[in-house]
């Protein structure tokens, strides 16, 4: 699947929730997500961020479900994702280790997931990073990525007009926090 997404930092999630509900967006679920993020040393730049075009890996826990996921790092918001269920976290770690991945950090977030037309809107409270909105649109093939990205931006402007677009992935933001602590 190809996912087109735009993310933005926000000061508060409440006005966005109100706007989504006024548009008849449907709250699908609220979940706590635990992402154990992995990278391969050969795919990292001098700041320990994954180089554009390479993949990061994560083991995502949502309730009792666990998946191993690979995400192409494309900071323009369009990239491939692959996901597969895991029988256990340990089997996922073993698998990723055999592929040359090393665990880097963990990202904890509470995510509210809304559905509006063909869009998925995620309101995230991310530990150490703050509050964010993500607007995602799935493409079944390599269709019109630019058009889909513009539609995501238009919806973001509608529901969160004061949001500040954040082109960095959560992994990049977390790595910056880690790097800053190393400097202190």
N, C-alpha and C. Protein backbone atom coordinates (compact mmCIF):
# COMPACT_ATOMS: atom_id res chain seq x y z
N UNK A 1 0.84 -1.17 0.00
CA UNK A 1 0.00 0.00 0.00
C UNK A 1 0.89 1.24 0.00
N UNK A 2 0.46 2.25 -0.66
CA UNK A 2 1.14 3.54 -0.65
C UNK A 2 0.28 4.49 0.16
N UNK A 3 0.90 5.11 1.13
CA UNK A 3 0.19 6.00 2.03
C UNK A 3 0.65 7.43 1.80
N UNK A 4 -0.30 8.30 1.56
CA UNK A 4 -0.02 9.73 1.44
C UNK A 4 -0.48 10.35 2.75
N UNK A 5 0.42 11.08 3.39
CA UNK A 5 0.05 11.66 4.68
C UNK A 5 0.70 13.01 4.87
N UNK A 6 0.04 13.79 5.71
CA UNK A 6 0.61 15.07 6.14
C UNK A 6 0.41 15.14 7.65
N UNK A 7 1.43 15.60 8.34
CA UNK A 7 1.38 15.68 9.80
C UNK A 7 1.61 17.13 10.20
N UNK A 8 0.97 17.53 11.31
CA UNK A 8 1.16 18.88 11.81
C UNK A 8 1.14 18.88 13.33
N UNK A 9 1.92 19.78 13.89
CA UNK A 9 1.95 19.97 15.35
C UNK A 9 0.82 20.94 15.69
N UNK A 10 0.14 20.65 16.79
CA UNK A 10 -0.98 21.49 17.22
C UNK A 10 -0.83 21.82 18.71
N UNK A 11 -1.51 22.88 19.13
CA UNK A 11 -1.48 23.28 20.54
C UNK A 11 -2.50 22.51 21.37
N UNK A 12 -3.64 22.16 20.73
CA UNK A 12 -4.71 21.46 21.43
C UNK A 12 -5.45 20.56 20.45
N UNK A 13 -5.92 19.42 20.95
CA UNK A 13 -6.68 18.50 20.10
C UNK A 13 -8.18 18.77 20.17
N UNK A 14 -8.65 19.42 21.23
CA UNK A 14 -10.09 19.60 21.44
C UNK A 14 -10.80 20.33 20.30
N UNK A 15 -10.29 21.49 19.82
CA UNK A 15 -11.00 22.17 18.73
C UNK A 15 -11.03 21.32 17.45
N UNK A 16 -10.01 20.51 17.25
CA UNK A 16 -9.96 19.65 16.06
C UNK A 16 -11.01 18.55 16.18
N UNK A 17 -11.15 17.97 17.37
CA UNK A 17 -12.19 16.96 17.60
C UNK A 17 -13.57 17.54 17.32
N UNK A 18 -13.80 18.75 17.83
CA UNK A 18 -15.10 19.41 17.61
C UNK A 18 -15.36 19.62 16.12
N UNK A 19 -14.36 20.07 15.40
CA UNK A 19 -14.51 20.31 13.95
C UNK A 19 -14.77 19.00 13.22
N UNK A 20 -14.04 17.95 13.57
CA UNK A 20 -14.25 16.65 12.92
C UNK A 20 -15.66 16.15 13.15
N UNK A 21 -16.15 16.27 14.38
CA UNK A 21 -17.51 15.81 14.67
C UNK A 21 -18.55 16.66 13.95
N UNK A 22 -18.28 17.96 13.79
CA UNK A 22 -19.22 18.82 13.05
C UNK A 22 -19.27 18.46 11.57
N UNK A 23 -18.21 17.84 11.06
CA UNK A 23 -18.17 17.38 9.66
C UNK A 23 -18.72 15.96 9.52
N UNK A 24 -19.19 15.40 10.63
CA UNK A 24 -19.71 14.03 10.67
C UNK A 24 -18.62 12.99 10.47
N UNK A 25 -17.40 13.33 10.86
CA UNK A 25 -16.34 12.32 10.86
C UNK A 25 -16.67 11.31 11.96
N UNK A 26 -16.28 10.07 11.73
CA UNK A 26 -16.60 9.00 12.67
C UNK A 26 -15.36 8.65 13.49
N UNK A 27 -15.52 8.68 14.82
CA UNK A 27 -14.43 8.23 15.69
C UNK A 27 -14.43 6.71 15.66
N UNK A 28 -13.37 6.13 15.09
CA UNK A 28 -13.28 4.68 14.97
C UNK A 28 -12.80 4.03 16.25
N UNK A 29 -11.75 4.60 16.84
CA UNK A 29 -11.22 4.02 18.08
C UNK A 29 -10.17 4.94 18.68
N UNK A 30 -9.92 4.70 19.94
CA UNK A 30 -8.82 5.32 20.66
C UNK A 30 -7.93 4.19 21.14
N UNK A 31 -6.63 4.32 20.89
CA UNK A 31 -5.73 3.24 21.27
C UNK A 31 -4.39 3.79 21.74
N UNK A 32 -3.79 3.04 22.62
CA UNK A 32 -2.42 3.33 23.04
C UNK A 32 -1.51 2.53 22.12
N UNK A 33 -0.51 3.18 21.56
CA UNK A 33 0.44 2.51 20.68
C UNK A 33 1.84 2.58 21.28
N UNK A 34 2.51 1.46 21.23
CA UNK A 34 3.90 1.37 21.66
C UNK A 34 4.70 0.93 20.45
N UNK A 35 5.54 1.82 19.95
CA UNK A 35 6.37 1.53 18.77
C UNK A 35 7.82 1.37 19.20
N UNK A 36 8.33 0.17 19.06
CA UNK A 36 9.76 -0.08 19.25
C UNK A 36 10.39 0.08 17.88
N UNK A 37 11.23 1.10 17.74
CA UNK A 37 11.77 1.50 16.44
C UNK A 37 13.18 0.95 16.26
N UNK A 38 13.43 0.43 15.05
CA UNK A 38 14.71 -0.20 14.72
C UNK A 38 15.29 0.44 13.46
N UNK A 39 16.61 0.46 13.38
CA UNK A 39 17.29 0.94 12.18
C UNK A 39 18.52 0.09 11.92
N UNK A 40 19.03 0.21 10.71
CA UNK A 40 20.30 -0.46 10.37
C UNK A 40 21.37 0.60 10.28
N UNK A 41 22.48 0.38 10.94
CA UNK A 41 23.56 1.37 11.02
C UNK A 41 23.94 1.87 9.63
N UNK A 42 24.01 0.98 8.65
CA UNK A 42 24.43 1.38 7.30
C UNK A 42 23.42 2.28 6.61
N UNK A 43 22.18 2.37 7.15
CA UNK A 43 21.13 3.19 6.56
C UNK A 43 20.94 4.52 7.30
N UNK A 44 21.84 4.85 8.23
CA UNK A 44 21.70 6.05 9.05
C UNK A 44 22.66 7.15 8.62
N UNK A 45 22.20 8.40 8.77
CA UNK A 45 23.08 9.53 8.48
C UNK A 45 23.87 9.89 9.74
N UNK A 46 24.62 11.00 9.70
CA UNK A 46 25.46 11.39 10.83
C UNK A 46 24.66 11.76 12.07
N UNK A 47 23.36 12.06 11.92
CA UNK A 47 22.51 12.36 13.08
C UNK A 47 21.75 11.13 13.57
N UNK A 48 22.07 9.97 13.01
CA UNK A 48 21.42 8.70 13.34
C UNK A 48 19.96 8.65 12.87
N UNK A 49 19.64 9.38 11.81
CA UNK A 49 18.32 9.33 11.19
C UNK A 49 18.42 8.45 9.96
N UNK A 50 17.33 7.75 9.64
CA UNK A 50 17.33 6.88 8.46
C UNK A 50 17.42 7.74 7.21
N UNK A 51 18.30 7.35 6.30
CA UNK A 51 18.52 8.08 5.05
C UNK A 51 17.29 7.94 4.16
N UNK A 52 16.96 9.03 3.50
CA UNK A 52 15.83 9.08 2.57
C UNK A 52 15.88 7.90 1.60
N UNK A 53 14.73 7.23 1.45
CA UNK A 53 14.62 6.12 0.52
C UNK A 53 14.88 4.76 1.13
N UNK A 54 15.47 4.73 2.34
CA UNK A 54 15.68 3.47 3.04
C UNK A 54 14.48 3.20 3.95
N UNK A 55 14.51 2.08 4.65
CA UNK A 55 13.38 1.69 5.48
C UNK A 55 13.75 1.69 6.96
N UNK A 56 12.79 2.15 7.76
CA UNK A 56 12.89 1.92 9.20
C UNK A 56 11.96 0.75 9.49
N UNK A 57 12.19 0.13 10.61
CA UNK A 57 11.35 -0.99 11.03
C UNK A 57 10.84 -0.68 12.43
N UNK A 58 9.68 -1.24 12.74
CA UNK A 58 9.16 -1.08 14.09
C UNK A 58 8.32 -2.29 14.45
N UNK A 59 8.25 -2.50 15.72
CA UNK A 59 7.29 -3.46 16.26
C UNK A 59 6.25 -2.61 16.96
N UNK A 60 5.04 -2.63 16.43
CA UNK A 60 3.96 -1.80 16.96
C UNK A 60 3.03 -2.66 17.79
N UNK A 61 2.82 -2.23 19.01
CA UNK A 61 1.87 -2.88 19.88
C UNK A 61 0.64 -2.02 20.04
N UNK A 62 -0.53 -2.64 19.83
CA UNK A 62 -1.82 -1.97 20.03
C UNK A 62 -2.69 -2.96 20.79
N UNK A 63 -2.86 -2.72 22.08
CA UNK A 63 -3.60 -3.69 22.89
C UNK A 63 -2.86 -5.01 22.89
N UNK A 64 -3.56 -6.08 22.52
CA UNK A 64 -2.94 -7.41 22.46
C UNK A 64 -2.30 -7.69 21.11
N UNK A 65 -2.51 -6.82 20.14
CA UNK A 65 -1.99 -7.05 18.78
C UNK A 65 -0.56 -6.53 18.66
N UNK A 66 0.25 -7.27 17.91
CA UNK A 66 1.63 -6.87 17.63
C UNK A 66 1.89 -7.07 16.14
N UNK A 67 2.49 -6.09 15.52
CA UNK A 67 2.86 -6.18 14.11
C UNK A 67 4.32 -5.78 13.94
N UNK A 68 4.97 -6.38 12.94
CA UNK A 68 6.26 -5.87 12.51
C UNK A 68 5.96 -5.06 11.25
N UNK A 69 6.51 -3.86 11.20
CA UNK A 69 6.21 -2.95 10.09
C UNK A 69 7.49 -2.36 9.54
N UNK A 70 7.50 -2.21 8.23
CA UNK A 70 8.60 -1.54 7.54
C UNK A 70 8.02 -0.31 6.87
N UNK A 71 8.69 0.81 7.03
CA UNK A 71 8.20 2.06 6.47
C UNK A 71 9.32 2.73 5.69
N UNK A 72 9.04 2.98 4.40
CA UNK A 72 10.00 3.70 3.57
C UNK A 72 10.10 5.13 4.07
N UNK A 73 11.31 5.60 4.25
CA UNK A 73 11.50 6.97 4.71
C UNK A 73 11.52 7.89 3.50
N UNK A 74 10.45 8.64 3.39
CA UNK A 74 10.28 9.62 2.34
C UNK A 74 9.64 10.81 3.02
N UNK A 75 10.41 11.81 3.32
CA UNK A 75 9.96 12.92 4.14
C UNK A 75 9.02 13.88 3.42
N UNK A 76 8.68 13.60 2.17
CA UNK A 76 7.68 14.41 1.48
C UNK A 76 6.27 13.91 1.75
N UNK A 77 6.14 12.83 2.53
CA UNK A 77 4.82 12.36 2.94
C UNK A 77 4.27 11.21 2.14
N UNK A 78 5.00 10.67 1.18
CA UNK A 78 4.50 9.57 0.36
C UNK A 78 5.51 8.44 0.43
N UNK A 79 5.08 7.29 0.93
CA UNK A 79 6.01 6.18 1.02
C UNK A 79 5.31 4.85 1.18
N UNK A 80 6.04 3.79 0.90
CA UNK A 80 5.49 2.44 1.03
C UNK A 80 5.54 1.99 2.48
N UNK A 81 4.56 1.17 2.84
CA UNK A 81 4.53 0.55 4.16
C UNK A 81 4.18 -0.91 4.00
N UNK A 82 4.82 -1.73 4.81
CA UNK A 82 4.53 -3.16 4.84
C UNK A 82 4.31 -3.56 6.29
N UNK A 83 3.30 -4.39 6.54
CA UNK A 83 2.99 -4.78 7.90
C UNK A 83 2.58 -6.25 7.94
N UNK A 84 2.98 -6.93 9.01
CA UNK A 84 2.62 -8.33 9.18
C UNK A 84 2.44 -8.62 10.67
N UNK A 85 1.42 -9.41 11.01
CA UNK A 85 1.21 -9.73 12.42
C UNK A 85 2.34 -10.58 12.99
N UNK A 86 2.55 -10.43 14.29
CA UNK A 86 3.58 -11.19 15.00
C UNK A 86 2.92 -12.09 16.04
N UNK A 87 3.52 -13.24 16.25
CA UNK A 87 3.05 -14.11 17.33
C UNK A 87 3.57 -13.61 18.68
N UNK A 88 4.74 -12.96 18.66
CA UNK A 88 5.31 -12.41 19.89
C UNK A 88 6.30 -11.31 19.55
N UNK A 89 6.52 -10.43 20.51
CA UNK A 89 7.51 -9.37 20.34
C UNK A 89 8.89 -9.99 20.15
N UNK A 90 9.18 -11.03 20.89
CA UNK A 90 10.49 -11.68 20.81
C UNK A 90 10.78 -12.20 19.41
N UNK A 91 9.76 -12.80 18.77
CA UNK A 91 9.97 -13.30 17.40
C UNK A 91 10.24 -12.14 16.44
N UNK A 92 9.58 -11.00 16.67
CA UNK A 92 9.83 -9.82 15.84
C UNK A 92 11.23 -9.28 16.01
N UNK A 93 11.68 -9.20 17.25
CA UNK A 93 13.04 -8.73 17.53
C UNK A 93 14.07 -9.66 16.89
N UNK A 94 13.86 -10.95 17.02
CA UNK A 94 14.77 -11.94 16.43
C UNK A 94 14.82 -11.78 14.91
N UNK A 95 13.66 -11.63 14.28
CA UNK A 95 13.57 -11.45 12.83
C UNK A 95 14.33 -10.19 12.39
N UNK A 96 14.06 -9.07 13.06
CA UNK A 96 14.72 -7.81 12.68
C UNK A 96 16.22 -7.86 12.91
N UNK A 97 16.64 -8.50 13.98
CA UNK A 97 18.07 -8.65 14.26
C UNK A 97 18.76 -9.43 13.14
N UNK A 98 18.12 -10.49 12.67
CA UNK A 98 18.70 -11.28 11.57
C UNK A 98 18.80 -10.48 10.28
N UNK A 99 17.95 -9.46 10.13
CA UNK A 99 18.01 -8.58 8.95
C UNK A 99 18.99 -7.42 9.14
N UNK A 100 19.65 -7.36 10.29
CA UNK A 100 20.65 -6.32 10.53
C UNK A 100 20.12 -5.08 11.22
N UNK A 101 18.89 -5.13 11.72
CA UNK A 101 18.32 -3.98 12.42
C UNK A 101 18.68 -4.02 13.90
N UNK A 102 18.86 -2.82 14.47
CA UNK A 102 19.12 -2.68 15.89
C UNK A 102 18.06 -1.78 16.49
N UNK A 103 17.64 -2.09 17.72
CA UNK A 103 16.63 -1.27 18.37
C UNK A 103 17.22 0.10 18.71
N UNK A 104 16.46 1.15 18.39
CA UNK A 104 16.95 2.52 18.61
C UNK A 104 16.25 3.20 19.79
N UNK A 105 14.92 3.15 19.82
CA UNK A 105 14.15 3.82 20.87
C UNK A 105 12.70 3.35 20.79
N UNK A 106 11.91 3.82 21.76
CA UNK A 106 10.49 3.50 21.81
C UNK A 106 9.69 4.79 21.78
N UNK A 107 8.61 4.79 21.01
CA UNK A 107 7.69 5.93 20.94
C UNK A 107 6.36 5.48 21.53
N UNK A 108 5.88 6.24 22.52
CA UNK A 108 4.60 5.95 23.16
C UNK A 108 3.61 7.03 22.77
N UNK A 109 2.42 6.61 22.34
CA UNK A 109 1.41 7.61 21.99
C UNK A 109 0.01 7.08 22.24
N UNK A 110 -0.89 8.02 22.49
CA UNK A 110 -2.32 7.74 22.52
C UNK A 110 -2.87 8.33 21.23
N UNK A 111 -3.57 7.50 20.47
CA UNK A 111 -4.05 7.90 19.15
C UNK A 111 -5.57 7.74 19.07
N UNK A 112 -6.24 8.81 18.64
CA UNK A 112 -7.66 8.74 18.29
C UNK A 112 -7.73 8.70 16.77
N UNK A 113 -8.45 7.72 16.25
CA UNK A 113 -8.53 7.53 14.80
C UNK A 113 -9.95 7.84 14.33
N UNK A 114 -10.03 8.77 13.38
CA UNK A 114 -11.30 9.18 12.80
C UNK A 114 -11.32 8.81 11.32
N UNK A 115 -12.51 8.59 10.80
CA UNK A 115 -12.72 8.33 9.37
C UNK A 115 -13.58 9.46 8.83
N UNK A 116 -13.11 10.08 7.75
CA UNK A 116 -13.88 11.12 7.07
C UNK A 116 -13.70 10.91 5.58
N UNK A 117 -14.79 10.58 4.92
CA UNK A 117 -14.74 10.21 3.50
C UNK A 117 -13.70 9.11 3.33
N UNK A 118 -12.72 9.28 2.44
CA UNK A 118 -11.68 8.26 2.25
C UNK A 118 -10.44 8.53 3.11
N UNK A 119 -10.52 9.51 3.97
CA UNK A 119 -9.37 9.91 4.78
C UNK A 119 -9.41 9.24 6.15
N UNK A 120 -8.21 9.00 6.68
CA UNK A 120 -8.07 8.62 8.08
C UNK A 120 -7.37 9.78 8.76
N UNK A 121 -7.97 10.27 9.82
CA UNK A 121 -7.39 11.38 10.58
C UNK A 121 -7.01 10.85 11.95
N UNK A 122 -5.76 11.04 12.32
CA UNK A 122 -5.25 10.55 13.60
C UNK A 122 -4.87 11.74 14.46
N UNK A 123 -5.40 11.77 15.67
CA UNK A 123 -5.02 12.78 16.65
C UNK A 123 -4.12 12.10 17.67
N UNK A 124 -2.89 12.55 17.75
CA UNK A 124 -1.86 11.87 18.54
C UNK A 124 -1.36 12.73 19.69
N UNK A 125 -1.26 12.10 20.85
CA UNK A 125 -0.57 12.67 22.00
C UNK A 125 0.67 11.81 22.19
N UNK A 126 1.82 12.34 21.76
CA UNK A 126 3.05 11.56 21.71
C UNK A 126 3.97 11.96 22.88
N UNK A 127 4.29 10.97 23.71
CA UNK A 127 5.15 11.22 24.86
C UNK A 127 6.48 11.83 24.40
N UNK A 128 6.90 12.89 25.05
CA UNK A 128 8.13 13.65 24.80
C UNK A 128 8.06 14.55 23.57
N UNK A 129 7.07 14.37 22.70
CA UNK A 129 7.03 15.15 21.46
C UNK A 129 5.86 16.13 21.38
N UNK A 130 4.72 15.82 21.99
CA UNK A 130 3.59 16.74 21.99
C UNK A 130 2.37 16.23 21.24
N UNK A 131 1.55 17.18 20.79
CA UNK A 131 0.26 16.89 20.15
C UNK A 131 0.37 17.08 18.64
N UNK A 132 -0.22 16.14 17.90
CA UNK A 132 -0.14 16.17 16.43
C UNK A 132 -1.45 15.71 15.81
N UNK A 133 -1.64 16.12 14.57
CA UNK A 133 -2.70 15.57 13.73
C UNK A 133 -2.02 15.01 12.49
N UNK A 134 -2.49 13.84 12.06
CA UNK A 134 -2.04 13.25 10.80
C UNK A 134 -3.27 13.04 9.93
N UNK A 135 -3.18 13.47 8.69
CA UNK A 135 -4.24 13.22 7.71
C UNK A 135 -3.64 12.28 6.68
N UNK A 136 -4.27 11.11 6.54
CA UNK A 136 -3.73 10.06 5.66
C UNK A 136 -4.75 9.69 4.59
N UNK A 137 -4.21 9.39 3.42
CA UNK A 137 -5.04 8.95 2.30
C UNK A 137 -4.33 7.76 1.65
N UNK A 138 -4.96 6.59 1.63
CA UNK A 138 -4.31 5.42 1.03
C UNK A 138 -4.51 5.39 -0.48
N UNK A 139 -3.43 5.11 -1.21
CA UNK A 139 -3.52 4.91 -2.66
C UNK A 139 -3.39 3.42 -2.93
N UNK A 140 -4.24 2.91 -3.78
CA UNK A 140 -4.19 1.48 -4.11
C UNK A 140 -3.03 1.17 -5.05
N UNK A 141 -2.62 2.17 -5.82
CA UNK A 141 -1.48 2.00 -6.73
C UNK A 141 -0.71 3.31 -6.74
N UNK A 142 0.15 3.50 -7.70
CA UNK A 142 0.96 4.72 -7.76
C UNK A 142 0.20 5.92 -8.29
N UNK A 143 -1.10 5.95 -8.16
CA UNK A 143 -1.95 7.00 -8.68
C UNK A 143 -1.42 8.41 -8.48
N UNK A 144 -2.30 9.34 -8.37
CA UNK A 144 -1.96 10.76 -8.30
C UNK A 144 -1.52 11.14 -6.89
N UNK A 145 -0.24 10.97 -6.61
CA UNK A 145 0.29 11.28 -5.28
C UNK A 145 0.18 12.77 -4.97
N UNK A 146 0.49 13.61 -5.96
CA UNK A 146 0.45 15.05 -5.74
C UNK A 146 -0.96 15.51 -5.44
N UNK A 147 -1.93 15.01 -6.20
CA UNK A 147 -3.33 15.36 -5.96
C UNK A 147 -3.80 14.90 -4.59
N UNK A 148 -3.41 13.70 -4.21
CA UNK A 148 -3.80 13.16 -2.90
C UNK A 148 -3.17 13.97 -1.77
N UNK A 149 -1.92 14.38 -1.94
CA UNK A 149 -1.25 15.19 -0.93
C UNK A 149 -1.94 16.55 -0.78
N UNK A 150 -2.37 17.12 -1.89
CA UNK A 150 -3.10 18.40 -1.85
C UNK A 150 -4.43 18.24 -1.12
N UNK A 151 -5.13 17.13 -1.36
CA UNK A 151 -6.39 16.88 -0.66
C UNK A 151 -6.16 16.73 0.84
N UNK A 152 -5.07 16.08 1.22
CA UNK A 152 -4.72 15.97 2.64
C UNK A 152 -4.47 17.35 3.23
N UNK A 153 -3.73 18.18 2.51
CA UNK A 153 -3.43 19.54 2.98
C UNK A 153 -4.72 20.35 3.11
N UNK A 154 -5.62 20.24 2.13
CA UNK A 154 -6.89 20.97 2.19
C UNK A 154 -7.71 20.56 3.42
N UNK A 155 -7.76 19.26 3.69
CA UNK A 155 -8.51 18.79 4.86
C UNK A 155 -7.84 19.27 6.15
N UNK A 156 -6.52 19.22 6.20
CA UNK A 156 -5.80 19.73 7.37
C UNK A 156 -6.14 21.20 7.60
N UNK A 157 -6.12 22.00 6.54
CA UNK A 157 -6.43 23.42 6.66
C UNK A 157 -7.86 23.64 7.16
N UNK A 158 -8.76 22.75 6.79
CA UNK A 158 -10.16 22.87 7.20
C UNK A 158 -10.34 22.56 8.69
N UNK A 159 -9.73 21.48 9.16
CA UNK A 159 -9.97 21.05 10.54
C UNK A 159 -8.98 21.63 11.55
N UNK A 160 -7.81 22.06 11.09
CA UNK A 160 -6.79 22.60 11.99
C UNK A 160 -6.06 23.75 11.31
N UNK A 161 -6.77 24.87 11.07
CA UNK A 161 -6.17 25.96 10.29
C UNK A 161 -4.93 26.59 10.92
N UNK A 162 -4.74 26.45 12.22
CA UNK A 162 -3.58 27.05 12.89
C UNK A 162 -2.44 26.06 13.11
N UNK A 163 -2.57 24.88 12.54
CA UNK A 163 -1.55 23.84 12.74
C UNK A 163 -0.27 24.19 11.98
N UNK A 164 0.84 23.73 12.51
CA UNK A 164 2.14 23.92 11.87
C UNK A 164 2.57 22.59 11.27
N UNK A 165 2.66 22.54 9.94
CA UNK A 165 3.04 21.30 9.26
C UNK A 165 4.41 20.86 9.75
N UNK A 166 4.51 19.57 10.07
CA UNK A 166 5.75 18.98 10.55
C UNK A 166 6.19 17.91 9.55
N UNK A 167 7.20 18.23 8.73
CA UNK A 167 7.62 17.26 7.72
C UNK A 167 8.40 16.07 8.28
N UNK A 168 8.91 16.21 9.50
CA UNK A 168 9.72 15.14 10.07
C UNK A 168 8.83 14.02 10.60
N UNK A 169 9.33 12.80 10.47
CA UNK A 169 8.66 11.63 11.03
C UNK A 169 8.85 11.64 12.55
N UNK A 170 7.97 10.92 13.25
CA UNK A 170 8.12 10.83 14.71
C UNK A 170 9.50 10.27 15.07
N UNK A 171 9.99 9.34 14.30
CA UNK A 171 11.31 8.78 14.56
C UNK A 171 12.41 9.82 14.48
N UNK A 172 12.32 10.72 13.48
CA UNK A 172 13.31 11.80 13.37
C UNK A 172 13.22 12.75 14.57
N UNK A 173 11.98 13.08 14.95
CA UNK A 173 11.79 13.99 16.09
C UNK A 173 12.34 13.37 17.37
N UNK A 174 12.08 12.08 17.56
CA UNK A 174 12.58 11.40 18.76
C UNK A 174 14.11 11.32 18.74
N UNK A 175 14.68 11.07 17.56
CA UNK A 175 16.14 11.02 17.47
C UNK A 175 16.75 12.37 17.79
N UNK A 176 16.08 13.46 17.41
CA UNK A 176 16.56 14.80 17.76
C UNK A 176 16.55 15.01 19.27
N UNK A 177 15.50 14.52 19.94
CA UNK A 177 15.44 14.61 21.41
C UNK A 177 16.60 13.83 22.02
N UNK A 178 16.84 12.62 21.51
CA UNK A 178 17.95 11.79 22.01
C UNK A 178 19.29 12.48 21.77
N UNK A 179 19.48 13.02 20.56
CA UNK A 179 20.74 13.71 20.24
C UNK A 179 20.95 14.92 21.15
N UNK A 180 19.88 15.66 21.43
CA UNK A 180 19.98 16.84 22.28
C UNK A 180 20.41 16.43 23.69
N UNK A 181 19.83 15.34 24.20
CA UNK A 181 20.21 14.87 25.54
C UNK A 181 21.66 14.42 25.59
N UNK A 182 22.17 13.87 24.48
CA UNK A 182 23.58 13.45 24.44
C UNK A 182 24.51 14.65 24.50
N UNK A 183 24.06 15.79 23.93
CA UNK A 183 24.88 17.00 23.92
C UNK A 183 24.94 17.65 25.29
N UNK A 184 23.87 17.50 26.07
CA UNK A 184 23.77 18.17 27.39
C UNK A 184 24.67 17.56 28.43
